[in-house]
Amino acid sequence: MSLFNKRFILYFILFYFVLLALKANAQCQHCEKSYQYAWCAINNGIAEYKNNDLTRIDCLTKTHAVEFDFAKKWAESVGQALYYGVMTGKKAKVVLIIGEPKEMKYYKRVEKLSKIYNFDIEYVTDDILKLSKNGECGYSKCKCHKVN
């Protein structure tokens, strides 16, 4: 294979991954913290609660240690929530961020685990963000404020 062909293939692969990254970024206009802060405020929790081991709980309420994640990261959210529950003595809770109806399959996976490992689960959508007419959420550091 010639040097030209090798370079062409390398550039094509790089271009492909850049397109994938742009597509993934376009699918979610709001950052995880936008949902986290909105939910935490509604539920009178403490956002970004720091444990003794310096790990951070997305939201700590009177009864729950809550982990937020986008639906595709469902497995990661379960482990973190269970750990935070152990660290605080509170019940673990996973809140999945659902961007489109087909992502409910991830919710159903976590729901099965929640029954076995005794933790709570719910999901949120963009509705919790109470978006402005410009599509901006209330979290000022969210990427939606940089787009406009």
N, C-alpha and C. Protein backbone atom coordinates (compact mmCIF):
# COMPACT_ATOMS: atom_id res chain seq x y z
N MET A 1 0.86 -1.18 0.00
CA MET A 1 0.00 0.00 0.00
C MET A 1 0.90 1.24 0.00
N SER A 2 0.59 2.16 -0.87
CA SER A 2 1.41 3.35 -1.00
C SER A 2 1.20 4.30 0.18
N LEU A 3 2.16 5.19 0.35
CA LEU A 3 2.07 6.19 1.41
C LEU A 3 0.83 7.06 1.23
N PHE A 4 0.51 7.39 -0.02
CA PHE A 4 -0.68 8.19 -0.31
C PHE A 4 -1.94 7.47 0.17
N ASN A 5 -2.08 6.22 -0.14
CA ASN A 5 -3.25 5.43 0.28
C ASN A 5 -3.36 5.34 1.80
N LYS A 6 -2.23 5.15 2.47
CA LYS A 6 -2.23 5.08 3.94
C LYS A 6 -2.70 6.40 4.54
N ARG A 7 -2.20 7.50 3.98
CA ARG A 7 -2.61 8.82 4.48
C ARG A 7 -4.10 9.06 4.22
N PHE A 8 -4.55 8.67 3.03
CA PHE A 8 -5.96 8.84 2.70
C PHE A 8 -6.84 8.08 3.68
N ILE A 9 -6.49 6.86 3.98
CA ILE A 9 -7.27 6.04 4.91
C ILE A 9 -7.25 6.66 6.31
N LEU A 10 -6.06 7.11 6.74
CA LEU A 10 -5.94 7.74 8.06
C LEU A 10 -6.81 9.00 8.13
N TYR A 11 -6.75 9.86 7.11
CA TYR A 11 -7.56 11.07 7.11
C TYR A 11 -9.06 10.77 7.06
N PHE A 12 -9.42 9.75 6.31
CA PHE A 12 -10.82 9.35 6.25
C PHE A 12 -11.32 8.89 7.62
N ILE A 13 -10.51 8.09 8.31
CA ILE A 13 -10.89 7.60 9.64
C ILE A 13 -11.01 8.77 10.61
N LEU A 14 -10.06 9.68 10.59
CA LEU A 14 -10.12 10.85 11.47
C LEU A 14 -11.36 11.70 11.18
N PHE A 15 -11.64 11.92 9.91
CA PHE A 15 -12.82 12.68 9.51
C PHE A 15 -14.09 12.00 10.02
N TYR A 16 -14.16 10.69 9.90
CA TYR A 16 -15.32 9.92 10.36
C TYR A 16 -15.54 10.11 11.86
N PHE A 17 -14.46 10.03 12.65
CA PHE A 17 -14.61 10.18 14.10
C PHE A 17 -14.97 11.62 14.49
N VAL A 18 -14.49 12.59 13.76
CA VAL A 18 -14.89 13.97 14.01
C VAL A 18 -16.38 14.14 13.75
N LEU A 19 -16.87 13.56 12.67
CA LEU A 19 -18.31 13.62 12.37
C LEU A 19 -19.13 12.95 13.47
N LEU A 20 -18.67 11.81 13.94
CA LEU A 20 -19.38 11.12 15.03
C LEU A 20 -19.42 11.98 16.28
N ALA A 21 -18.31 12.61 16.61
CA ALA A 21 -18.26 13.46 17.80
C ALA A 21 -19.21 14.65 17.65
N LEU A 22 -19.23 15.26 16.47
CA LEU A 22 -20.13 16.39 16.24
C LEU A 22 -21.59 15.97 16.34
N LYS A 23 -21.91 14.79 15.81
CA LYS A 23 -23.28 14.29 15.86
C LYS A 23 -23.69 14.03 17.31
N ALA A 24 -22.81 13.41 18.08
CA ALA A 24 -23.12 13.12 19.49
C ALA A 24 -23.32 14.41 20.27
N ASN A 25 -22.51 15.42 19.99
CA ASN A 25 -22.63 16.69 20.67
C ASN A 25 -23.92 17.40 20.28
N ALA A 26 -24.32 17.27 19.03
CA ALA A 26 -25.53 17.93 18.56
C ALA A 26 -26.78 17.30 19.16
N GLN A 27 -26.71 16.02 19.49
CA GLN A 27 -27.88 15.33 20.04
C GLN A 27 -28.24 15.85 21.42
N CYS A 28 -27.27 16.32 22.16
CA CYS A 28 -27.56 16.82 23.50
C CYS A 28 -27.09 18.26 23.61
N GLN A 29 -28.03 19.14 23.66
CA GLN A 29 -27.71 20.57 23.71
C GLN A 29 -27.39 21.03 25.12
N HIS A 30 -27.83 20.29 26.11
CA HIS A 30 -27.65 20.71 27.51
C HIS A 30 -26.73 19.75 28.24
N CYS A 31 -25.94 20.29 29.15
CA CYS A 31 -25.01 19.46 29.90
C CYS A 31 -25.73 18.75 31.06
N GLU A 32 -25.09 17.71 31.55
CA GLU A 32 -25.66 16.91 32.64
C GLU A 32 -25.99 17.77 33.85
N LYS A 33 -25.12 18.72 34.16
CA LYS A 33 -25.35 19.56 35.34
C LYS A 33 -26.62 20.40 35.24
N SER A 34 -27.04 20.72 34.03
CA SER A 34 -28.29 21.47 33.86
C SER A 34 -29.45 20.70 34.45
N TYR A 35 -29.53 19.43 34.13
CA TYR A 35 -30.60 18.56 34.63
C TYR A 35 -30.42 18.33 36.14
N GLN A 36 -29.19 18.10 36.52
CA GLN A 36 -28.86 17.85 37.93
C GLN A 36 -29.29 19.02 38.82
N TYR A 37 -28.91 20.21 38.45
CA TYR A 37 -29.23 21.38 39.27
C TYR A 37 -30.73 21.65 39.29
N ALA A 38 -31.38 21.48 38.16
CA ALA A 38 -32.83 21.70 38.10
C ALA A 38 -33.56 20.71 39.01
N TRP A 39 -33.22 19.43 38.90
CA TRP A 39 -33.87 18.39 39.71
C TRP A 39 -33.55 18.59 41.19
N CYS A 40 -32.32 18.89 41.48
CA CYS A 40 -31.89 19.06 42.87
C CYS A 40 -32.62 20.24 43.53
N ALA A 41 -32.81 21.31 42.80
CA ALA A 41 -33.54 22.46 43.34
C ALA A 41 -34.99 22.11 43.64
N ILE A 42 -35.61 21.38 42.73
CA ILE A 42 -37.01 20.97 42.92
C ILE A 42 -37.16 20.05 44.13
N ASN A 43 -36.13 19.23 44.38
CA ASN A 43 -36.19 18.23 45.45
C ASN A 43 -35.44 18.64 46.72
N ASN A 44 -35.14 19.93 46.83
CA ASN A 44 -34.48 20.48 48.02
C ASN A 44 -33.21 19.73 48.40
N GLY A 45 -32.40 19.41 47.40
CA GLY A 45 -31.16 18.68 47.65
C GLY A 45 -29.95 19.58 47.63
N ILE A 46 -28.82 18.97 47.92
CA ILE A 46 -27.53 19.66 47.87
C ILE A 46 -26.80 19.15 46.63
N ALA A 47 -26.55 20.03 45.68
CA ALA A 47 -25.86 19.64 44.45
C ALA A 47 -24.36 19.54 44.71
N GLU A 48 -23.74 18.57 44.06
CA GLU A 48 -22.28 18.38 44.13
C GLU A 48 -21.80 18.18 45.58
N TYR A 49 -22.50 17.37 46.33
CA TYR A 49 -22.12 17.08 47.71
C TYR A 49 -20.81 16.30 47.72
N LYS A 50 -19.83 16.76 48.51
CA LYS A 50 -18.52 16.12 48.55
C LYS A 50 -18.45 15.12 49.70
N ASN A 51 -18.11 13.88 49.37
CA ASN A 51 -17.91 12.83 50.37
C ASN A 51 -16.53 12.97 51.01
N ASN A 52 -16.30 12.22 52.11
CA ASN A 52 -15.00 12.24 52.78
C ASN A 52 -13.87 11.78 51.87
N ASP A 53 -14.16 10.90 50.92
CA ASP A 53 -13.13 10.41 50.01
C ASP A 53 -12.99 11.29 48.76
N LEU A 54 -13.59 12.47 48.81
CA LEU A 54 -13.53 13.49 47.76
C LEU A 54 -14.32 13.15 46.49
N THR A 55 -15.09 12.06 46.52
CA THR A 55 -16.02 11.82 45.41
C THR A 55 -17.19 12.78 45.59
N ARG A 56 -17.88 13.06 44.50
CA ARG A 56 -18.99 14.02 44.55
C ARG A 56 -20.29 13.36 44.13
N ILE A 57 -21.29 13.56 44.96
CA ILE A 57 -22.63 13.07 44.67
C ILE A 57 -23.34 14.17 43.88
N ASP A 58 -23.99 13.80 42.80
CA ASP A 58 -24.67 14.80 41.98
C ASP A 58 -25.70 15.58 42.79
N CYS A 59 -26.49 14.87 43.60
CA CYS A 59 -27.48 15.54 44.45
C CYS A 59 -27.73 14.69 45.69
N LEU A 60 -27.63 15.29 46.83
CA LEU A 60 -27.90 14.61 48.09
C LEU A 60 -29.16 15.21 48.70
N THR A 61 -30.19 14.37 48.89
CA THR A 61 -31.43 14.84 49.52
C THR A 61 -31.49 14.25 50.93
N LYS A 62 -32.57 14.53 51.63
CA LYS A 62 -32.72 13.99 52.98
C LYS A 62 -32.74 12.47 52.98
N THR A 63 -33.19 11.89 51.89
CA THR A 63 -33.37 10.43 51.85
C THR A 63 -32.51 9.71 50.82
N HIS A 64 -31.94 10.43 49.83
CA HIS A 64 -31.28 9.77 48.72
C HIS A 64 -29.92 10.37 48.35
N ALA A 65 -29.04 9.48 47.87
CA ALA A 65 -27.81 9.88 47.19
C ALA A 65 -28.07 9.64 45.71
N VAL A 66 -28.12 10.71 44.93
CA VAL A 66 -28.63 10.65 43.57
C VAL A 66 -27.51 10.84 42.54
N GLU A 67 -27.48 9.95 41.58
CA GLU A 67 -26.54 10.03 40.47
C GLU A 67 -27.30 10.29 39.17
N PHE A 68 -26.86 11.28 38.41
CA PHE A 68 -27.44 11.63 37.12
C PHE A 68 -26.52 11.16 36.01
N ASP A 69 -27.11 10.69 34.94
CA ASP A 69 -26.33 10.38 33.75
C ASP A 69 -27.23 10.36 32.54
N PHE A 70 -26.63 10.61 31.38
CA PHE A 70 -27.36 10.45 30.15
C PHE A 70 -27.65 8.96 29.98
N ALA A 71 -28.75 8.66 29.33
CA ALA A 71 -29.27 7.30 29.25
C ALA A 71 -28.24 6.29 28.76
N LYS A 72 -27.43 6.67 27.80
CA LYS A 72 -26.45 5.72 27.26
C LYS A 72 -25.38 5.33 28.28
N LYS A 73 -25.23 6.11 29.33
CA LYS A 73 -24.26 5.80 30.38
C LYS A 73 -24.94 5.12 31.58
N TRP A 74 -25.99 4.39 31.33
CA TRP A 74 -26.82 3.78 32.36
C TRP A 74 -26.01 2.90 33.31
N ALA A 75 -25.11 2.09 32.80
CA ALA A 75 -24.37 1.15 33.65
C ALA A 75 -23.47 1.88 34.64
N GLU A 76 -22.83 2.92 34.18
CA GLU A 76 -21.96 3.71 35.04
C GLU A 76 -22.75 4.36 36.17
N SER A 77 -23.95 4.82 35.86
CA SER A 77 -24.76 5.51 36.87
C SER A 77 -25.16 4.57 38.01
N VAL A 78 -25.40 3.32 37.70
CA VAL A 78 -25.81 2.36 38.73
C VAL A 78 -24.69 2.16 39.75
N GLY A 79 -23.48 1.93 39.26
CA GLY A 79 -22.35 1.74 40.17
C GLY A 79 -22.09 2.94 41.05
N GLN A 80 -22.14 4.11 40.46
CA GLN A 80 -21.90 5.32 41.25
C GLN A 80 -22.99 5.53 42.29
N ALA A 81 -24.23 5.37 41.91
CA ALA A 81 -25.33 5.57 42.86
C ALA A 81 -25.22 4.60 44.03
N LEU A 82 -24.94 3.34 43.74
CA LEU A 82 -24.82 2.35 44.82
C LEU A 82 -23.67 2.71 45.76
N TYR A 83 -22.57 3.14 45.21
CA TYR A 83 -21.42 3.53 46.04
C TYR A 83 -21.77 4.73 46.92
N TYR A 84 -22.42 5.74 46.33
CA TYR A 84 -22.77 6.93 47.09
C TYR A 84 -23.78 6.61 48.19
N GLY A 85 -24.65 5.67 47.93
CA GLY A 85 -25.59 5.23 48.96
C GLY A 85 -24.86 4.63 50.14
N VAL A 86 -23.86 3.80 49.88
CA VAL A 86 -23.05 3.20 50.94
C VAL A 86 -22.29 4.28 51.71
N MET A 87 -21.73 5.24 50.99
CA MET A 87 -20.94 6.30 51.62
C MET A 87 -21.77 7.20 52.54
N THR A 88 -23.04 7.38 52.22
CA THR A 88 -23.87 8.32 52.99
C THR A 88 -24.87 7.65 53.91
N GLY A 89 -25.12 6.36 53.71
CA GLY A 89 -26.15 5.68 54.49
C GLY A 89 -27.56 6.01 53.99
N LYS A 90 -27.65 6.65 52.85
CA LYS A 90 -28.95 6.99 52.27
C LYS A 90 -29.25 6.03 51.11
N LYS A 91 -30.48 6.02 50.69
CA LYS A 91 -30.86 5.14 49.59
C LYS A 91 -30.29 5.68 48.27
N ALA A 92 -29.75 4.79 47.48
CA ALA A 92 -29.20 5.16 46.18
C ALA A 92 -30.34 5.45 45.21
N LYS A 93 -30.09 6.39 44.31
CA LYS A 93 -31.08 6.71 43.29
C LYS A 93 -30.36 7.08 42.00
N VAL A 94 -30.87 6.56 40.89
CA VAL A 94 -30.37 6.90 39.56
C VAL A 94 -31.43 7.74 38.87
N VAL A 95 -31.01 8.86 38.29
CA VAL A 95 -31.89 9.66 37.45
C VAL A 95 -31.26 9.69 36.07
N LEU A 96 -31.93 9.04 35.13
CA LEU A 96 -31.43 9.02 33.76
C LEU A 96 -32.00 10.19 32.97
N ILE A 97 -31.18 10.75 32.13
CA ILE A 97 -31.58 11.84 31.26
C ILE A 97 -31.96 11.23 29.91
N ILE A 98 -33.24 11.32 29.59
CA ILE A 98 -33.76 10.72 28.36
C ILE A 98 -33.96 11.82 27.31
N GLY A 99 -33.24 11.69 26.22
CA GLY A 99 -33.33 12.69 25.16
C GLY A 99 -34.33 12.36 24.08
N GLU A 100 -34.61 11.09 23.90
CA GLU A 100 -35.57 10.67 22.87
C GLU A 100 -36.18 9.34 23.30
N PRO A 101 -37.39 9.06 22.81
CA PRO A 101 -38.13 7.87 23.27
C PRO A 101 -37.37 6.55 23.16
N LYS A 102 -36.54 6.37 22.15
CA LYS A 102 -35.83 5.10 22.00
C LYS A 102 -34.84 4.84 23.14
N GLU A 103 -34.50 5.88 23.90
CA GLU A 103 -33.58 5.70 25.02
C GLU A 103 -34.24 5.09 26.25
N MET A 104 -35.53 4.89 26.20
CA MET A 104 -36.23 4.24 27.32
C MET A 104 -35.74 2.81 27.53
N LYS A 105 -35.11 2.21 26.54
CA LYS A 105 -34.56 0.86 26.71
C LYS A 105 -33.50 0.86 27.80
N TYR A 106 -32.77 1.95 27.95
CA TYR A 106 -31.76 2.04 29.00
C TYR A 106 -32.42 2.17 30.37
N TYR A 107 -33.49 2.92 30.42
CA TYR A 107 -34.26 3.05 31.67
C TYR A 107 -34.75 1.67 32.11
N LYS A 108 -35.25 0.89 31.19
CA LYS A 108 -35.78 -0.44 31.51
C LYS A 108 -34.67 -1.35 32.04
N ARG A 109 -33.45 -1.20 31.54
CA ARG A 109 -32.32 -1.99 32.05
C ARG A 109 -32.05 -1.64 33.51
N VAL A 110 -32.01 -0.34 33.80
CA VAL A 110 -31.74 0.10 35.17
C VAL A 110 -32.90 -0.28 36.08
N GLU A 111 -34.10 -0.22 35.56
CA GLU A 111 -35.28 -0.59 36.34
C GLU A 111 -35.18 -2.05 36.82
N LYS A 112 -34.72 -2.94 35.95
CA LYS A 112 -34.54 -4.35 36.34
C LYS A 112 -33.53 -4.46 37.49
N LEU A 113 -32.42 -3.74 37.35
CA LEU A 113 -31.40 -3.78 38.39
C LEU A 113 -31.89 -3.17 39.70
N SER A 114 -32.71 -2.14 39.60
CA SER A 114 -33.20 -1.46 40.81
C SER A 114 -34.03 -2.39 41.68
N LYS A 115 -34.72 -3.31 41.05
CA LYS A 115 -35.54 -4.27 41.81
C LYS A 115 -34.67 -5.30 42.51
N ILE A 116 -33.56 -5.64 41.90
CA ILE A 116 -32.65 -6.64 42.49
C ILE A 116 -31.79 -6.02 43.59
N TYR A 117 -31.27 -4.82 43.34
CA TYR A 117 -30.32 -4.19 44.26
C TYR A 117 -30.92 -3.10 45.13
N ASN A 118 -32.22 -2.98 45.10
CA ASN A 118 -32.97 -2.10 46.00
C ASN A 118 -32.51 -0.63 45.97
N PHE A 119 -32.57 -0.04 44.80
CA PHE A 119 -32.34 1.41 44.70
C PHE A 119 -33.47 2.00 43.87
N ASP A 120 -33.61 3.31 43.95
CA ASP A 120 -34.69 3.99 43.24
C ASP A 120 -34.19 4.50 41.89
N ILE A 121 -35.15 4.71 41.00
CA ILE A 121 -34.81 5.20 39.66
C ILE A 121 -35.94 6.09 39.16
N GLU A 122 -35.56 7.09 38.39
CA GLU A 122 -36.52 7.89 37.64
C GLU A 122 -35.80 8.46 36.44
N TYR A 123 -36.53 9.14 35.59
CA TYR A 123 -35.90 9.77 34.45
C TYR A 123 -36.42 11.19 34.31
N VAL A 124 -35.62 12.00 33.63
CA VAL A 124 -36.00 13.38 33.34
C VAL A 124 -35.81 13.61 31.84
N THR A 125 -36.52 14.61 31.36
CA THR A 125 -36.39 15.05 29.97
C THR A 125 -36.11 16.56 29.99
N ASP A 126 -36.05 17.15 28.83
CA ASP A 126 -35.82 18.60 28.75
C ASP A 126 -36.91 19.40 29.47
N ASP A 127 -38.07 18.79 29.70
CA ASP A 127 -39.16 19.50 30.37
C ASP A 127 -38.73 20.06 31.73
N ILE A 128 -37.85 19.34 32.42
CA ILE A 128 -37.43 19.78 33.76
C ILE A 128 -36.62 21.07 33.70
N LEU A 129 -36.05 21.37 32.54
CA LEU A 129 -35.18 22.54 32.41
C LEU A 129 -35.93 23.86 32.28
N LYS A 130 -37.23 23.79 31.95
CA LYS A 130 -38.01 25.01 31.78
C LYS A 130 -37.26 26.00 30.88
N LEU A 131 -37.06 25.60 29.65
CA LEU A 131 -36.25 26.35 28.70
C LEU A 131 -36.87 27.71 28.35
N SER A 132 -36.01 28.67 28.10
CA SER A 132 -36.45 29.99 27.66
C SER A 132 -36.91 29.90 26.20
N LYS A 133 -37.42 31.00 25.69
CA LYS A 133 -37.84 31.05 24.29
C LYS A 133 -36.66 30.79 23.35
N ASN A 134 -35.46 31.09 23.81
CA ASN A 134 -34.24 30.87 23.01
C ASN A 134 -33.70 29.45 23.16
N GLY A 135 -34.35 28.62 23.97
CA GLY A 135 -33.89 27.25 24.18
C GLY A 135 -32.80 27.13 25.22
N GLU A 136 -32.64 28.18 26.04
CA GLU A 136 -31.61 28.16 27.07
C GLU A 136 -32.19 27.69 28.39
N CYS A 137 -31.37 26.92 29.13
CA CYS A 137 -31.79 26.45 30.45
C CYS A 137 -31.31 27.42 31.52
N GLY A 138 -31.61 27.13 32.77
CA GLY A 138 -31.26 28.02 33.87
C GLY A 138 -29.84 27.91 34.35
N TYR A 139 -29.10 26.90 33.92
CA TYR A 139 -27.71 26.71 34.36
C TYR A 139 -26.79 27.51 33.45
N SER A 140 -26.22 28.58 33.98
CA SER A 140 -25.49 29.54 33.15
C SER A 140 -24.23 28.97 32.49
N LYS A 141 -23.67 27.89 33.03
CA LYS A 141 -22.46 27.31 32.45
C LYS A 141 -22.76 26.24 31.40
N CYS A 142 -24.03 26.03 31.10
CA CYS A 142 -24.43 25.02 30.12
C CYS A 142 -24.01 25.45 28.72
N LYS A 143 -23.74 24.45 27.89
CA LYS A 143 -23.33 24.76 26.52
C LYS A 143 -24.42 25.42 25.70
N CYS A 144 -25.68 25.34 26.14
CA CYS A 144 -26.76 26.00 25.38
C CYS A 144 -26.60 27.51 25.40
N HIS A 145 -25.92 28.05 26.39
CA HIS A 145 -25.70 29.50 26.46
C HIS A 145 -24.57 29.93 25.53
N LYS A 146 -23.72 29.00 25.16
CA LYS A 146 -22.60 29.31 24.26
C LYS A 146 -22.97 29.16 22.80
N VAL A 147 -24.05 28.42 22.52
CA VAL A 147 -24.48 28.18 21.15
C VAL A 147 -25.09 29.43 20.55
N ASN A 148 -25.90 30.12 21.32
CA ASN A 148 -26.63 31.29 20.79
C ASN A 148 -25.76 32.53 20.73
